Amino acid sequence: MVFYEESVKKSVIKGLLPKDIFAKFNNVFIALDTTHDLGLFDIKRLKANEKRTYYRVRKGKYRAIFYIEDNNYYVISIAKREEVYDQWV
C-alpha cells in the first residue's frame, strides 16, 4: 500500500505540485506496490539511519523521497530536484 505525507497531499491541493506530475509518481508507486521490484524505475538508495533506509525516484525534473516499511511505501516528499532535498533534510 502507498501512503503520502500530508505535506504532499497539501502541495497537490494548493497547486504547488502539478496534478499530472503527481499522477506519474502515483503510477510508479502503484507499480512498485504490485511488483516490489525497485529495478523497474530510476530509484537510488539514499542515506540510512538506524530506523529506516530512504530512497528517491526520478521522473524528469521531479524527485520523490520515500521509505519502505512492512511492504508499504511511505512517500515523504515530491518536488523539483533543486527543492526536494532541502525539504527532506
C-alpha atoms as a PDB file:
ATOM      1  CA  MET A   1       0.000   0.000   0.000  1.00  0.00           C
ATOM      2  CA  VAL A   2       1.155   3.546  -0.687  1.00  0.00           C
ATOM      3  CA  PHE A   3       0.875   6.315   1.901  1.00  0.00           C
ATOM      4  CA  TYR A   4       1.525  10.013   1.251  1.00  0.00           C
ATOM      5  CA  GLU A   5       2.557  12.567   3.862  1.00  0.00           C
ATOM      6  CA  GLU A   6       0.083  15.365   4.493  1.00  0.00           C
ATOM      7  CA  SER A   7       2.559  17.881   3.025  1.00  0.00           C
ATOM      8  CA  VAL A   8       2.491  16.026  -0.317  1.00  0.00           C
ATOM      9  CA  LYS A   9      -1.309  15.984  -0.356  1.00  0.00           C
ATOM     10  CA  LYS A  10      -1.480  19.693   0.517  1.00  0.00           C
ATOM     11  CA  SER A  11       1.008  20.655  -2.202  1.00  0.00           C
ATOM     12  CA  VAL A  12      -1.211  18.938  -4.804  1.00  0.00           C
ATOM     13  CA  ILE A  13      -4.345  20.625  -3.470  1.00  0.00           C
ATOM     14  CA  LYS A  14      -2.681  24.064  -3.399  1.00  0.00           C
ATOM     15  CA  GLY A  15      -1.267  23.599  -6.904  1.00  0.00           C
ATOM     16  CA  LEU A  16       2.376  23.669  -5.849  1.00  0.00           C
ATOM     17  CA  LEU A  17       2.798  20.196  -7.319  1.00  0.00           C
ATOM     18  CA  PRO A  18       1.136  19.762 -10.737  1.00  0.00           C
ATOM     19  CA  LYS A  19      -1.518  17.057 -10.785  1.00  0.00           C
ATOM     20  CA  ASP A  20      -0.005  15.377 -13.854  1.00  0.00           C
ATOM     21  CA  ILE A  21       3.353  15.023 -12.059  1.00  0.00           C
ATOM     22  CA  PHE A  22       1.606  13.591  -9.007  1.00  0.00           C
ATOM     23  CA  ALA A  23      -0.240  11.134 -11.286  1.00  0.00           C
ATOM     24  CA  LYS A  24       3.083   9.952 -12.778  1.00  0.00           C
ATOM     25  CA  PHE A  25       4.546   9.308  -9.339  1.00  0.00           C
ATOM     26  CA  ASN A  26       1.345   7.671  -8.162  1.00  0.00           C
ATOM     27  CA  ASN A  27       1.575   5.240 -11.096  1.00  0.00           C
ATOM     28  CA  VAL A  28       5.200   4.494 -10.166  1.00  0.00           C
ATOM     29  CA  PHE A  29       4.263   3.677  -6.584  1.00  0.00           C
ATOM     30  CA  ILE A  30       1.308   1.553  -7.660  1.00  0.00           C
ATOM     31  CA  ALA A  31       3.660  -0.459  -9.895  1.00  0.00           C
ATOM     32  CA  LEU A  32       6.180  -0.775  -7.051  1.00  0.00           C
ATOM     33  CA  ASP A  33       3.469  -1.888  -4.663  1.00  0.00           C
ATOM     34  CA  THR A  34       2.348  -4.524  -7.141  1.00  0.00           C
ATOM     35  CA  THR A  35       5.763  -5.905  -8.124  1.00  0.00           C
ATOM     36  CA  HIS A  36       8.074  -4.925  -5.205  1.00  0.00           C
ATOM     37  CA  ASP A  37      10.845  -4.547  -7.821  1.00  0.00           C
ATOM     38  CA  LEU A  38      12.956  -1.419  -7.234  1.00  0.00           C
ATOM     39  CA  GLY A  39      14.800  -2.063 -10.514  1.00  0.00           C
ATOM     40  CA  LEU A  40      11.836  -1.007 -12.652  1.00  0.00           C
ATOM     41  CA  PHE A  41      12.471   2.728 -12.301  1.00  0.00           C
ATOM     42  CA  ASP A  42      15.327   5.140 -11.691  1.00  0.00           C
ATOM     43  CA  ILE A  43      15.483   4.504  -7.946  1.00  0.00           C
ATOM     44  CA  LYS A  44      18.549   5.139  -5.827  1.00  0.00           C
ATOM     45  CA  ARG A  45      19.190   4.413  -2.208  1.00  0.00           C
ATOM     46  CA  LEU A  46      19.859   7.453  -0.053  1.00  0.00           C
ATOM     47  CA  LYS A  47      21.255   7.627   3.438  1.00  0.00           C
ATOM     48  CA  ALA A  48      20.005   5.296   6.102  1.00  0.00           C
ATOM     49  CA  ASN A  49      19.690   5.719   9.812  1.00  0.00           C
ATOM     50  CA  GLU A  50      19.112   3.052  12.432  1.00  0.00           C
ATOM     51  CA  LYS A  51      15.357   3.114  11.819  1.00  0.00           C
ATOM     52  CA  ARG A  52      14.967   3.082   8.043  1.00  0.00           C
ATOM     53  CA  THR A  53      16.530   3.457   4.604  1.00  0.00           C
ATOM     54  CA  TYR A  54      15.355   6.211   2.288  1.00  0.00           C
ATOM     55  CA  TYR A  55      15.092   6.052  -1.497  1.00  0.00           C
ATOM     56  CA  ARG A  56      14.492   8.529  -4.274  1.00  0.00           C
ATOM     57  CA  VAL A  57      12.731   8.007  -7.575  1.00  0.00           C
ATOM     58  CA  ARG A  58      13.261  10.361 -10.501  1.00  0.00           C
ATOM     59  CA  LYS A  59      10.756  11.474 -13.119  1.00  0.00           C
ATOM     60  CA  GLY A  60      12.134  14.273 -15.279  1.00  0.00           C
ATOM     61  CA  LYS A  61      12.906  17.314 -13.131  1.00  0.00           C
ATOM     62  CA  TYR A  62      10.978  15.960 -10.169  1.00  0.00           C
ATOM     63  CA  ARG A  63      12.051  13.623  -7.368  1.00  0.00           C
ATOM     64  CA  ALA A  64      10.128  11.674  -4.762  1.00  0.00           C
ATOM     65  CA  ILE A  65      11.678  10.655  -1.450  1.00  0.00           C
ATOM     66  CA  PHE A  66      10.216   7.560   0.183  1.00  0.00           C
ATOM     67  CA  TYR A  67      10.908   4.683   2.515  1.00  0.00           C
ATOM     68  CA  ILE A  68       9.628   1.126   2.738  1.00  0.00           C
ATOM     69  CA  GLU A  69       8.261  -0.387   5.922  1.00  0.00           C
ATOM     70  CA  ASP A  70       6.330  -3.667   6.212  1.00  0.00           C
ATOM     71  CA  ASN A  71       5.950  -3.823   2.397  1.00  0.00           C
ATOM     72  CA  ASN A  72       4.243  -0.398   2.436  1.00  0.00           C
ATOM     73  CA  TYR A  73       5.599   2.655   0.648  1.00  0.00           C
ATOM     74  CA  TYR A  74       5.648   5.955   2.558  1.00  0.00           C
ATOM     75  CA  VAL A  75       6.185   8.994   0.311  1.00  0.00           C
ATOM     76  CA  ILE A  76       7.506  11.893   2.342  1.00  0.00           C
ATOM     77  CA  SER A  77       8.266  14.454  -0.369  1.00  0.00           C
ATOM     78  CA  ILE A  78       7.714  15.147  -4.067  1.00  0.00           C
ATOM     79  CA  ALA A  79       9.240  18.300  -5.557  1.00  0.00           C
ATOM     80  CA  LYS A  80      11.652  19.624  -8.157  1.00  0.00           C
ATOM     81  CA  ARG A  81      15.216  18.402  -7.880  1.00  0.00           C
ATOM     82  CA  GLU A  82      16.579  21.657  -6.513  1.00  0.00           C
ATOM     83  CA  GLU A  83      13.873  21.795  -3.815  1.00  0.00           C
ATOM     84  CA  VAL A  84      13.253  18.215  -2.727  1.00  0.00           C
ATOM     85  CA  TYR A  85      16.482  17.617  -0.849  1.00  0.00           C
ATOM     86  CA  ASP A  86      16.157  20.899   1.077  1.00  0.00           C
ATOM     87  CA  GLN A  87      12.671  19.901   2.228  1.00  0.00           C
ATOM     88  CA  TRP A  88      13.751  16.423   3.182  1.00  0.00           C
ATOM     89  CA  VAL A  89      16.845  17.236   5.267  1.00  0.00           C
END
